[in-house]
Amino acid sequence: LIQNQERINFVATTEVIAMGDEPVKAMRDKQDSSMVRAAQAVK
């Protein structure tokens, strides 16, 4: 989907936290999800 990689660095993950997932459990269980990995990058 990326048309131009200028100033965009892609990081591959293997899991997704779905809208219906239980929040805290999903955060703890899906350590390689896009959301958790992004949060860890900020930390």
PDB file of all heavy atoms in Angstrom:
ATOM      1  N   LEU A   1       0.807  -1.218   0.000  1.00  0.00           N
ATOM      2  CA  LEU A   1       0.000   0.000   0.000  1.00  0.00           C
ATOM      3  C   LEU A   1       0.841   1.269   0.000  1.00  0.00           C
ATOM      4  O   LEU A   1       0.347   2.346  -0.337  1.00  0.00           O
ATOM      5  CB  LEU A   1      -0.926   0.020   1.226  1.00  0.00           C
ATOM      6  CG  LEU A   1      -1.954  -1.109   1.336  1.00  0.00           C
ATOM      7  CD1 LEU A   1      -2.621  -1.066   2.706  1.00  0.00           C
ATOM      8  CD2 LEU A   1      -3.001  -1.002   0.235  1.00  0.00           C
ATOM      9  N   ILE A   2       2.103   1.151   0.386  1.00  0.00           N
ATOM     10  CA  ILE A   2       2.960   2.331   0.501  1.00  0.00           C
ATOM     11  C   ILE A   2       3.401   2.779  -0.889  1.00  0.00           C
ATOM     12  O   ILE A   2       4.103   2.061  -1.599  1.00  0.00           O
ATOM     13  CB  ILE A   2       4.181   2.039   1.393  1.00  0.00           C
ATOM     14  CG1 ILE A   2       3.736   1.587   2.793  1.00  0.00           C
ATOM     15  CG2 ILE A   2       5.073   3.276   1.492  1.00  0.00           C
ATOM     16  CD1 ILE A   2       4.877   1.141   3.690  1.00  0.00           C
ATOM     17  N   GLN A   3       2.991   3.961  -1.274  1.00  0.00           N
ATOM     18  CA  GLN A   3       3.308   4.487  -2.598  1.00  0.00           C
ATOM     19  C   GLN A   3       4.692   5.114  -2.659  1.00  0.00           C
ATOM     20  O   GLN A   3       5.353   5.101  -3.688  1.00  0.00           O
ATOM     21  CB  GLN A   3       2.258   5.536  -3.003  1.00  0.00           C
ATOM     22  CG  GLN A   3       0.831   5.021  -3.020  1.00  0.00           C
ATOM     23  CD  GLN A   3       0.632   3.914  -4.032  1.00  0.00           C
ATOM     24  OE1 GLN A   3       1.008   4.055  -5.195  1.00  0.00           O
ATOM     25  NE2 GLN A   3       0.032   2.808  -3.607  1.00  0.00           N
ATOM     26  N   ASN A   4       5.120   5.692  -1.535  1.00  0.00           N
ATOM     27  CA  ASN A   4       6.391   6.406  -1.486  1.00  0.00           C
ATOM     28  C   ASN A   4       6.959   6.221  -0.084  1.00  0.00           C
ATOM     29  O   ASN A   4       6.332   6.620   0.899  1.00  0.00           O
ATOM     30  CB  ASN A   4       6.161   7.888  -1.792  1.00  0.00           C
ATOM     31  CG  ASN A   4       7.433   8.711  -1.721  1.00  0.00           C
ATOM     32  OD1 ASN A   4       8.481   8.223  -1.316  1.00  0.00           O
ATOM     33  ND2 ASN A   4       7.337   9.973  -2.105  1.00  0.00           N
ATOM     34  N   GLN A   5       8.122   5.620   0.041  1.00  0.00           N
ATOM     35  CA  GLN A   5       8.688   5.303   1.346  1.00  0.00           C
ATOM     36  C   GLN A   5       9.479   6.452   1.980  1.00  0.00           C
ATOM     37  O   GLN A   5      10.069   6.267   3.053  1.00  0.00           O
ATOM     38  CB  GLN A   5       9.583   4.071   1.226  1.00  0.00           C
ATOM     39  CG  GLN A   5       8.823   2.801   0.887  1.00  0.00           C
ATOM     40  CD  GLN A   5       9.702   1.567   0.934  1.00  0.00           C
ATOM     41  OE1 GLN A   5      10.921   1.669   0.927  1.00  0.00           O
ATOM     42  NE2 GLN A   5       9.078   0.405   0.976  1.00  0.00           N
ATOM     43  N   GLU A   6       9.446   7.607   1.362  1.00  0.00           N
ATOM     44  CA  GLU A   6      10.138   8.757   1.933  1.00  0.00           C
ATOM     45  C   GLU A   6       9.618   9.043   3.345  1.00  0.00           C
ATOM     46  O   GLU A   6       8.426   9.197   3.570  1.00  0.00           O
ATOM     47  CB  GLU A   6       9.929   9.998   1.047  1.00  0.00           C
ATOM     48  CG  GLU A   6      10.650  11.241   1.573  1.00  0.00           C
ATOM     49  CD  GLU A   6      10.326  12.476   0.760  1.00  0.00           C
ATOM     50  OE1 GLU A   6       9.599  12.353  -0.242  1.00  0.00           O
ATOM     51  OE2 GLU A   6      10.795  13.555   1.138  1.00  0.00           O
ATOM     52  N   ARG A   7      10.499   9.105   4.318  1.00  0.00           N
ATOM     53  CA  ARG A   7      10.220   9.386   5.733  1.00  0.00           C
ATOM     54  C   ARG A   7       9.229   8.397   6.351  1.00  0.00           C
ATOM     55  O   ARG A   7       8.557   8.713   7.326  1.00  0.00           O
ATOM     56  CB  ARG A   7       9.728  10.828   5.912  1.00  0.00           C
ATOM     57  CG  ARG A   7      10.699  11.892   5.370  1.00  0.00           C
ATOM     58  CD  ARG A   7      10.533  13.250   6.012  1.00  0.00           C
ATOM     59  NE  ARG A   7       9.170  13.702   6.137  1.00  0.00           N
ATOM     60  CZ  ARG A   7       8.488  14.310   5.179  1.00  0.00           C
ATOM     61  NH1 ARG A   7       9.060  14.546   3.991  1.00  0.00           N
ATOM     62  NH2 ARG A   7       7.253  14.706   5.380  1.00  0.00           N
ATOM     63  N   ILE A   8       9.147   7.201   5.789  1.00  0.00           N
ATOM     64  CA  ILE A   8       8.328   6.124   6.356  1.00  0.00           C
ATOM     65  C   ILE A   8       9.192   4.884   6.518  1.00  0.00           C
ATOM     66  O   ILE A   8       9.725   4.355   5.539  1.00  0.00           O
ATOM     67  CB  ILE A   8       7.117   5.798   5.456  1.00  0.00           C
ATOM     68  CG1 ILE A   8       6.168   6.992   5.364  1.00  0.00           C
ATOM     69  CG2 ILE A   8       6.359   4.583   6.007  1.00  0.00           C
ATOM     70  CD1 ILE A   8       5.001   6.772   4.417  1.00  0.00           C
ATOM     71  N   ASN A   9       9.359   4.438   7.737  1.00  0.00           N
ATOM     72  CA  ASN A   9      10.093   3.209   8.032  1.00  0.00           C
ATOM     73  C   ASN A   9       9.090   2.141   8.459  1.00  0.00           C
ATOM     74  O   ASN A   9       8.365   2.332   9.442  1.00  0.00           O
ATOM     75  CB  ASN A   9      11.120   3.433   9.140  1.00  0.00           C
ATOM     76  CG  ASN A   9      12.232   4.369   8.715  1.00  0.00           C
ATOM     77  OD1 ASN A   9      12.742   4.255   7.609  1.00  0.00           O
ATOM     78  ND2 ASN A   9      12.598   5.297   9.582  1.00  0.00           N
ATOM     79  N   PHE A  10       9.047   1.045   7.726  1.00  0.00           N
ATOM     80  CA  PHE A  10       8.098  -0.027   8.043  1.00  0.00           C
ATOM     81  C   PHE A  10       8.740  -1.038   8.993  1.00  0.00           C
ATOM     82  O   PHE A  10       9.904  -1.417   8.832  1.00  0.00           O
ATOM     83  CB  PHE A  10       7.641  -0.738   6.768  1.00  0.00           C
ATOM     84  CG  PHE A  10       6.788  -1.940   7.050  1.00  0.00           C
ATOM     85  CD1 PHE A  10       5.481  -1.794   7.467  1.00  0.00           C
ATOM     86  CD2 PHE A  10       7.308  -3.222   6.928  1.00  0.00           C
ATOM     87  CE1 PHE A  10       4.705  -2.897   7.756  1.00  0.00           C
ATOM     88  CE2 PHE A  10       6.541  -4.329   7.203  1.00  0.00           C
ATOM     89  CZ  PHE A  10       5.234  -4.174   7.624  1.00  0.00           C
ATOM     90  N   VAL A  11       7.941  -1.473   9.995  1.00  0.00           N
ATOM     91  CA  VAL A  11       8.382  -2.489  10.943  1.00  0.00           C
ATOM     92  C   VAL A  11       7.369  -3.633  10.904  1.00  0.00           C
ATOM     93  O   VAL A  11       6.178  -3.429  11.194  1.00  0.00           O
ATOM     94  CB  VAL A  11       8.485  -1.933  12.378  1.00  0.00           C
ATOM     95  CG1 VAL A  11       8.968  -3.027  13.334  1.00  0.00           C
ATOM     96  CG2 VAL A  11       9.427  -0.729  12.422  1.00  0.00           C
ATOM     97  N   ALA A  12       7.823  -4.816  10.541  1.00  0.00           N
ATOM     98  CA  ALA A  12       6.910  -5.961  10.404  1.00  0.00           C
ATOM     99  C   ALA A  12       6.520  -6.525  11.759  1.00  0.00           C
ATOM    100  O   ALA A  12       7.351  -6.700  12.652  1.00  0.00           O
ATOM    101  CB  ALA A  12       7.576  -7.044   9.562  1.00  0.00           C
ATOM    102  N   THR A  13       5.217  -6.815  11.916  1.00  0.00           N
ATOM    103  CA  THR A  13       4.695  -7.488  13.100  1.00  0.00           C
ATOM    104  C   THR A  13       3.870  -8.681  12.634  1.00  0.00           C
ATOM    105  O   THR A  13       3.529  -8.796  11.453  1.00  0.00           O
ATOM    106  CB  THR A  13       3.827  -6.542  13.945  1.00  0.00           C
ATOM    107  OG1 THR A  13       2.729  -6.083  13.148  1.00  0.00           O
ATOM    108  CG2 THR A  13       4.632  -5.336  14.415  1.00  0.00           C
ATOM    109  N   THR A  14       3.522  -9.549  13.569  1.00  0.00           N
ATOM    110  CA  THR A  14       2.814 -10.778  13.190  1.00  0.00           C
ATOM    111  C   THR A  14       1.414 -10.886  13.747  1.00  0.00           C
ATOM    112  O   THR A  14       0.672 -11.800  13.397  1.00  0.00           O
ATOM    113  CB  THR A  14       3.616 -12.005  13.664  1.00  0.00           C
ATOM    114  OG1 THR A  14       3.745 -11.955  15.092  1.00  0.00           O
ATOM    115  CG2 THR A  14       4.997 -12.031  13.027  1.00  0.00           C
ATOM    116  N   GLU A  15       1.032  -9.926  14.628  1.00  0.00           N
ATOM    117  CA  GLU A  15      -0.274 -10.036  15.288  1.00  0.00           C
ATOM    118  C   GLU A  15      -1.052  -8.725  15.166  1.00  0.00           C
ATOM    119  O   GLU A  15      -0.477  -7.657  14.958  1.00  0.00           O
ATOM    120  CB  GLU A  15      -0.099 -10.391  16.767  1.00  0.00           C
ATOM    121  CG  GLU A  15       0.544 -11.755  17.000  1.00  0.00           C
ATOM    122  CD  GLU A  15       0.789 -12.016  18.466  1.00  0.00           C
ATOM    123  OE1 GLU A  15       1.565 -11.254  19.082  1.00  0.00           O
ATOM    124  OE2 GLU A  15       0.211 -12.983  19.005  1.00  0.00           O
ATOM    125  N   VAL A  16      -2.383  -8.852  15.341  1.00  0.00           N
ATOM    126  CA  VAL A  16      -3.278  -7.695  15.281  1.00  0.00           C
ATOM    127  C   VAL A  16      -4.219  -7.746  16.470  1.00  0.00           C
ATOM    128  O   VAL A  16      -4.803  -8.800  16.762  1.00  0.00           O
ATOM    129  CB  VAL A  16      -4.104  -7.686  13.977  1.00  0.00           C
ATOM    130  CG1 VAL A  16      -5.104  -6.539  13.983  1.00  0.00           C
ATOM    131  CG2 VAL A  16      -3.192  -7.602  12.759  1.00  0.00           C
ATOM    132  N   ILE A  17      -4.384  -6.644  17.152  1.00  0.00           N
ATOM    133  CA  ILE A  17      -5.400  -6.538  18.201  1.00  0.00           C
ATOM    134  C   ILE A  17      -6.694  -6.108  17.535  1.00  0.00           C
ATOM    135  O   ILE A  17      -6.785  -5.009  16.987  1.00  0.00           O
ATOM    136  CB  ILE A  17      -4.982  -5.540  19.292  1.00  0.00           C
ATOM    137  CG1 ILE A  17      -3.762  -6.076  20.041  1.00  0.00           C
ATOM    138  CG2 ILE A  17      -6.137  -5.291  20.267  1.00  0.00           C
ATOM    139  CD1 ILE A  17      -3.258  -5.159  21.139  1.00  0.00           C
ATOM    140  N   ALA A  18      -7.688  -6.989  17.567  1.00  0.00           N
ATOM    141  CA  ALA A  18      -8.966  -6.715  16.915  1.00  0.00           C
ATOM    142  C   ALA A  18      -9.835  -5.819  17.784  1.00  0.00           C
ATOM    143  O   ALA A  18      -9.621  -5.692  18.995  1.00  0.00           O
ATOM    144  CB  ALA A  18      -9.687  -8.034  16.625  1.00  0.00           C
ATOM    145  N   MET A  19     -10.835  -5.194  17.158  1.00  0.00           N
ATOM    146  CA  MET A  19     -11.734  -4.302  17.884  1.00  0.00           C
ATOM    147  C   MET A  19     -12.468  -5.030  19.017  1.00  0.00           C
ATOM    148  O   MET A  19     -12.754  -4.444  20.058  1.00  0.00           O
ATOM    149  CB  MET A  19     -12.748  -3.680  16.923  1.00  0.00           C
ATOM    150  CG  MET A  19     -12.147  -2.662  15.968  1.00  0.00           C
ATOM    151  SD  MET A  19     -11.497  -1.220  16.832  1.00  0.00           S
ATOM    152  CE  MET A  19     -11.404  -0.039  15.490  1.00  0.00           C
ATOM    153  N   GLY A  20     -12.757  -6.306  18.821  1.00  0.00           N
ATOM    154  CA  GLY A  20     -13.517  -7.049  19.815  1.00  0.00           C
ATOM    155  C   GLY A  20     -12.681  -7.728  20.876  1.00  0.00           C
ATOM    156  O   GLY A  20     -13.230  -8.357  21.795  1.00  0.00           O
ATOM    157  N   ASP A  21     -11.370  -7.615  20.820  1.00  0.00           N
ATOM    158  CA  ASP A  21     -10.502  -8.256  21.807  1.00  0.00           C
ATOM    159  C   ASP A  21     -10.641  -7.594  23.177  1.00  0.00           C
ATOM    160  O   ASP A  21     -10.847  -6.374  23.280  1.00  0.00           O
ATOM    161  CB  ASP A  21      -9.040  -8.170  21.364  1.00  0.00           C
ATOM    162  CG  ASP A  21      -8.694  -9.148  20.259  1.00  0.00           C
ATOM    163  OD1 ASP A  21      -9.541 -10.013  19.948  1.00  0.00           O
ATOM    164  OD2 ASP A  21      -7.584  -9.049  19.701  1.00  0.00           O
ATOM    165  N   GLU A  22     -10.502  -8.412  24.229  1.00  0.00           N
ATOM    166  CA  GLU A  22     -10.504  -7.861  25.589  1.00  0.00           C
ATOM    167  C   GLU A  22      -9.226  -7.058  25.761  1.00  0.00           C
ATOM    168  O   GLU A  22      -8.125  -7.580  25.577  1.00  0.00           O
ATOM    169  CB  GLU A  22     -10.571  -9.008  26.606  1.00  0.00           C
ATOM    170  CG  GLU A  22     -10.955  -8.568  28.007  1.00  0.00           C
ATOM    171  CD  GLU A  22      -9.791  -7.925  28.760  1.00  0.00           C
ATOM    172  OE1 GLU A  22      -8.668  -8.448  28.674  1.00  0.00           O
ATOM    173  OE2 GLU A  22     -10.014  -6.867  29.389  1.00  0.00           O
ATOM    174  N   PRO A  23      -9.330  -5.769  26.114  1.00  0.00           N
ATOM    175  CA  PRO A  23      -8.192  -4.852  26.018  1.00  0.00           C
ATOM    176  C   PRO A  23      -6.924  -5.281  26.745  1.00  0.00           C
ATOM    177  O   PRO A  23      -5.864  -5.402  26.119  1.00  0.00           O
ATOM    178  CB  PRO A  23      -8.756  -3.545  26.596  1.00  0.00           C
ATOM    179  CG  PRO A  23     -10.213  -3.609  26.298  1.00  0.00           C
ATOM    180  CD  PRO A  23     -10.577  -5.053  26.459  1.00  0.00           C
ATOM    181  N   VAL A  24      -6.993  -5.469  28.049  1.00  0.00           N
ATOM    182  CA  VAL A  24      -5.779  -5.755  28.811  1.00  0.00           C
ATOM    183  C   VAL A  24      -5.191  -7.104  28.417  1.00  0.00           C
ATOM    184  O   VAL A  24      -3.969  -7.254  28.260  1.00  0.00           O
ATOM    185  CB  VAL A  24      -6.062  -5.706  30.326  1.00  0.00           C
ATOM    186  CG1 VAL A  24      -4.811  -6.076  31.113  1.00  0.00           C
ATOM    187  CG2 VAL A  24      -6.544  -4.315  30.733  1.00  0.00           C
ATOM    188  N   LYS A  25      -6.062  -8.093  28.229  1.00  0.00           N
ATOM    189  CA  LYS A  25      -5.591  -9.432  27.827  1.00  0.00           C
ATOM    190  C   LYS A  25      -4.897  -9.376  26.471  1.00  0.00           C
ATOM    191  O   LYS A  25      -3.846  -9.992  26.267  1.00  0.00           O
ATOM    192  CB  LYS A  25      -6.768 -10.407  27.779  1.00  0.00           C
ATOM    193  CG  LYS A  25      -6.371 -11.862  27.515  1.00  0.00           C
ATOM    194  CD  LYS A  25      -7.590 -12.774  27.588  1.00  0.00           C
ATOM    195  CE  LYS A  25      -7.189 -14.233  27.474  1.00  0.00           C
ATOM    196  NZ  LYS A  25      -6.516 -14.558  26.216  1.00  0.00           N
ATOM    197  N   ALA A  26      -5.493  -8.633  25.531  1.00  0.00           N
ATOM    198  CA  ALA A  26      -4.905  -8.520  24.201  1.00  0.00           C
ATOM    199  C   ALA A  26      -3.542  -7.854  24.258  1.00  0.00           C
ATOM    200  O   ALA A  26      -2.591  -8.279  23.595  1.00  0.00           O
ATOM    201  CB  ALA A  26      -5.842  -7.737  23.286  1.00  0.00           C
ATOM    202  N   MET A  27      -3.439  -6.811  25.073  1.00  0.00           N
ATOM    203  CA  MET A  27      -2.156  -6.109  25.196  1.00  0.00           C
ATOM    204  C   MET A  27      -1.080  -7.042  25.756  1.00  0.00           C
ATOM    205  O   MET A  27       0.062  -7.022  25.308  1.00  0.00           O
ATOM    206  CB  MET A  27      -2.327  -4.896  26.104  1.00  0.00           C
ATOM    207  CG  MET A  27      -1.042  -4.097  26.328  1.00  0.00           C
ATOM    208  SD  MET A  27      -1.088  -3.101  27.832  1.00  0.00           S
ATOM    209  CE  MET A  27      -1.103  -4.358  29.104  1.00  0.00           C
ATOM    210  N   ARG A  28      -1.455  -7.859  26.718  1.00  0.00           N
ATOM    211  CA  ARG A  28      -0.490  -8.759  27.357  1.00  0.00           C
ATOM    212  C   ARG A  28      -0.156  -9.975  26.492  1.00  0.00           C
ATOM    213  O   ARG A  28       0.993 -10.426  26.461  1.00  0.00           O
ATOM    214  CB  ARG A  28      -1.042  -9.215  28.710  1.00  0.00           C
ATOM    215  CG  ARG A  28      -1.071  -8.100  29.755  1.00  0.00           C
ATOM    216  CD  ARG A  28      -1.736  -8.554  31.033  1.00  0.00           C
ATOM    217  NE  ARG A  28      -1.675  -7.514  32.060  1.00  0.00           N
ATOM    218  CZ  ARG A  28      -2.374  -7.538  33.197  1.00  0.00           C
ATOM    219  NH1 ARG A  28      -3.158  -8.568  33.449  1.00  0.00           N
ATOM    220  NH2 ARG A  28      -2.258  -6.564  34.074  1.00  0.00           N
ATOM    221  N   ASP A  29      -1.171 -10.509  25.800  1.00  0.00           N
ATOM    222  CA  ASP A  29      -0.968 -11.748  25.044  1.00  0.00           C
ATOM    223  C   ASP A  29      -0.381 -11.523  23.660  1.00  0.00           C
ATOM    224  O   ASP A  29       0.353 -12.368  23.141  1.00  0.00           O
ATOM    225  CB  ASP A  29      -2.294 -12.511  24.909  1.00  0.00           C
ATOM    226  CG  ASP A  29      -2.791 -13.053  26.244  1.00  0.00           C
ATOM    227  OD1 ASP A  29      -2.015 -13.014  27.219  1.00  0.00           O
ATOM    228  OD2 ASP A  29      -3.956 -13.498  26.316  1.00  0.00           O
ATOM    229  N   LYS A  30      -0.716 -10.385  23.046  1.00  0.00           N
ATOM    230  CA  LYS A  30      -0.278 -10.126  21.675  1.00  0.00           C
ATOM    231  C   LYS A  30       0.886  -9.140  21.666  1.00  0.00           C
ATOM    232  O   LYS A  30       0.784  -7.997  21.217  1.00  0.00           O
ATOM    233  CB  LYS A  30      -1.448  -9.614  20.837  1.00  0.00           C
ATOM    234  CG  LYS A  30      -2.571 -10.646  20.677  1.00  0.00           C
ATOM    235  CD  LYS A  30      -3.675 -10.144  19.763  1.00  0.00           C
ATOM    236  CE  LYS A  30      -4.736 -11.212  19.535  1.00  0.00           C
ATOM    237  NZ  LYS A  30      -5.806 -10.765  18.605  1.00  0.00           N
ATOM    238  N   GLN A  31       2.025  -9.623  22.158  1.00  0.00           N
ATOM    239  CA  GLN A  31       3.200  -8.776  22.300  1.00  0.00           C
ATOM    240  C   GLN A  31       3.792  -8.355  20.956  1.00  0.00           C
ATOM    241  O   GLN A  31       4.503  -7.349  20.879  1.00  0.00           O
ATOM    242  CB  GLN A  31       4.266  -9.506  23.123  1.00  0.00           C
ATOM    243  CG  GLN A  31       3.888  -9.705  24.586  1.00  0.00           C
ATOM    244  CD  GLN A  31       3.856  -8.391  25.356  1.00  0.00           C
ATOM    245  OE1 GLN A  31       4.853  -7.682  25.411  1.00  0.00           O
ATOM    246  NE2 GLN A  31       2.711  -8.057  25.924  1.00  0.00           N
ATOM    247  N   ASP A  32       3.498  -9.114  19.896  1.00  0.00           N
ATOM    248  CA  ASP A  32       4.019  -8.750  18.575  1.00  0.00           C
ATOM    249  C   ASP A  32       2.931  -8.107  17.708  1.00  0.00           C
ATOM    250  O   ASP A  32       3.019  -8.121  16.486  1.00  0.00           O
ATOM    251  CB  ASP A  32       4.603  -9.975  17.860  1.00  0.00           C
ATOM    252  CG  ASP A  32       5.544  -9.568  16.720  1.00  0.00           C
ATOM    253  OD1 ASP A  32       6.328  -8.614  16.912  1.00  0.00           O
ATOM    254  OD2 ASP A  32       5.476 -10.185  15.636  1.00  0.00           O
ATOM    255  N   SER A  33       1.917  -7.550  18.358  1.00  0.00           N
ATOM    256  CA  SER A  33       0.886  -6.836  17.608  1.00  0.00           C
ATOM    257  C   SER A  33       1.394  -5.451  17.220  1.00  0.00           C
ATOM    258  O   SER A  33       2.312  -4.900  17.846  1.00  0.00           O
ATOM    259  CB  SER A  33      -0.382  -6.691  18.447  1.00  0.00           C
ATOM    260  OG  SER A  33      -0.130  -5.883  19.592  1.00  0.00           O
ATOM    261  N   SER A  34       0.801  -4.898  16.183  1.00  0.00           N
ATOM    262  CA  SER A  34       1.210  -3.578  15.703  1.00  0.00           C
ATOM    263  C   SER A  34       1.041  -2.506  16.774  1.00  0.00           C
ATOM    264  O   SER A  34       1.883  -1.608  16.906  1.00  0.00           O
ATOM    265  CB  SER A  34       0.416  -3.206  14.443  1.00  0.00           C
ATOM    266  OG  SER A  34      -0.981  -3.362  14.671  1.00  0.00           O
ATOM    267  N   MET A  35      -0.017  -2.601  17.583  1.00  0.00           N
ATOM    268  CA  MET A  35      -0.261  -1.590  18.609  1.00  0.00           C
ATOM    269  C   MET A  35       0.762  -1.678  19.736  1.00  0.00           C
ATOM    270  O   MET A  35       1.343  -0.663  20.149  1.00  0.00           O
ATOM    271  CB  MET A  35      -1.669  -1.733  19.185  1.00  0.00           C
ATOM    272  CG  MET A  35      -2.019  -0.677  20.230  1.00  0.00           C
ATOM    273  SD  MET A  35      -3.617  -0.953  21.004  1.00  0.00           S
ATOM    274  CE  MET A  35      -4.736  -0.635  19.630  1.00  0.00           C
ATOM    275  N   VAL A  36       0.997  -2.875  20.247  1.00  0.00           N
ATOM    276  CA  VAL A  36       1.931  -3.045  21.360  1.00  0.00           C
ATOM    277  C   VAL A  36       3.351  -2.684  20.941  1.00  0.00           C
ATOM    278  O   VAL A  36       4.081  -2.012  21.675  1.00  0.00           O
ATOM    279  CB  VAL A  36       1.857  -4.486  21.910  1.00  0.00           C
ATOM    280  CG1 VAL A  36       2.994  -4.741  22.903  1.00  0.00           C
ATOM    281  CG2 VAL A  36       0.503  -4.724  22.576  1.00  0.00           C
ATOM    282  N   ARG A  37       3.752  -3.117  19.738  1.00  0.00           N
ATOM    283  CA  ARG A  37       5.100  -2.795  19.268  1.00  0.00           C
ATOM    284  C   ARG A  37       5.274  -1.274  19.086  1.00  0.00           C
ATOM    285  O   ARG A  37       6.345  -0.729  19.375  1.00  0.00           O
ATOM    286  CB  ARG A  37       5.374  -3.526  17.951  1.00  0.00           C
ATOM    287  CG  ARG A  37       5.528  -5.044  18.081  1.00  0.00           C
ATOM    288  CD  ARG A  37       6.900  -5.429  18.615  1.00  0.00           C
ATOM    289  NE  ARG A  37       7.983  -4.936  17.788  1.00  0.00           N
ATOM    290  CZ  ARG A  37       8.408  -5.535  16.660  1.00  0.00           C
ATOM    291  NH1 ARG A  37       7.818  -6.667  16.242  1.00  0.00           N
ATOM    292  NH2 ARG A  37       9.402  -5.027  15.970  1.00  0.00           N
ATOM    293  N   ALA A  38       4.235  -0.611  18.610  1.00  0.00           N
ATOM    294  CA  ALA A  38       4.300   0.842  18.444  1.00  0.00           C
ATOM    295  C   ALA A  38       4.425   1.531  19.801  1.00  0.00           C
ATOM    296  O   ALA A  38       5.209   2.470  19.967  1.00  0.00           O
ATOM    297  CB  ALA A  38       3.063   1.343  17.695  1.00  0.00           C
ATOM    298  N   ALA A  39       3.659   1.051  20.783  1.00  0.00           N
ATOM    299  CA  ALA A  39       3.737   1.622  22.131  1.00  0.00           C
ATOM    300  C   ALA A  39       5.116   1.392  22.733  1.00  0.00           C
ATOM    301  O   ALA A  39       5.689   2.280  23.390  1.00  0.00           O
ATOM    302  CB  ALA A  39       2.658   1.007  23.019  1.00  0.00           C
ATOM    303  N   GLN A  40       5.681   0.216  22.513  1.00  0.00           N
ATOM    304  CA  GLN A  40       7.002  -0.103  23.040  1.00  0.00           C
ATOM    305  C   GLN A  40       8.067   0.791  22.409  1.00  0.00           C
ATOM    306  O   GLN A  40       9.026   1.206  23.072  1.00  0.00           O
ATOM    307  CB  GLN A  40       7.335  -1.577  22.774  1.00  0.00           C
ATOM    308  CG  GLN A  40       8.581  -2.071  23.501  1.00  0.00           C
ATOM    309  CD  GLN A  40       8.436  -2.053  25.014  1.00  0.00           C
ATOM    310  OE1 GLN A  40       7.410  -2.481  25.548  1.00  0.00           O
ATOM    311  NE2 GLN A  40       9.452  -1.533  25.702  1.00  0.00           N
ATOM    312  N   ALA A  41       7.889   1.118  21.130  1.00  0.00           N
ATOM    313  CA  ALA A  41       8.835   2.009  20.446  1.00  0.00           C
ATOM    314  C   ALA A  41       8.850   3.389  21.098  1.00  0.00           C
ATOM    315  O   ALA A  41       9.902   4.021  21.225  1.00  0.00           O
ATOM    316  CB  ALA A  41       8.483   2.122  18.964  1.00  0.00           C
ATOM    317  N   VAL A  42       7.679   3.841  21.529  1.00  0.00           N
ATOM    318  CA  VAL A  42       7.603   5.133  22.211  1.00  0.00           C
ATOM    319  C   VAL A  42       8.278   5.046  23.573  1.00  0.00           C
ATOM    320  O   VAL A  42       9.061   5.924  23.959  1.00  0.00           O
ATOM    321  CB  VAL A  42       6.133   5.584  22.355  1.00  0.00           C
ATOM    322  CG1 VAL A  42       6.041   6.862  23.192  1.00  0.00           C
ATOM    323  CG2 VAL A  42       5.508   5.820  20.982  1.00  0.00           C
ATOM    324  N   LYS A  43       7.995   3.980  24.303  1.00  0.00           N
ATOM    325  CA  LYS A  43       8.626   3.804  25.613  1.00  0.00           C
ATOM    326  C   LYS A  43      10.144   3.756  25.499  1.00  0.00           C
ATOM    327  O   LYS A  43      10.867   4.323  26.335  1.00  0.00           O
ATOM    328  CB  LYS A  43       8.130   2.522  26.276  1.00  0.00           C
ATOM    329  CG  LYS A  43       8.763   2.268  27.638  1.00  0.00           C
ATOM    330  CD  LYS A  43       8.297   0.977  28.261  1.00  0.00           C
ATOM    331  CE  LYS A  43       8.958   0.756  29.620  1.00  0.00           C
ATOM    332  NZ  LYS A  43       8.517  -0.513  30.258  1.00  0.00           N
TER     333      LYS A  43
END
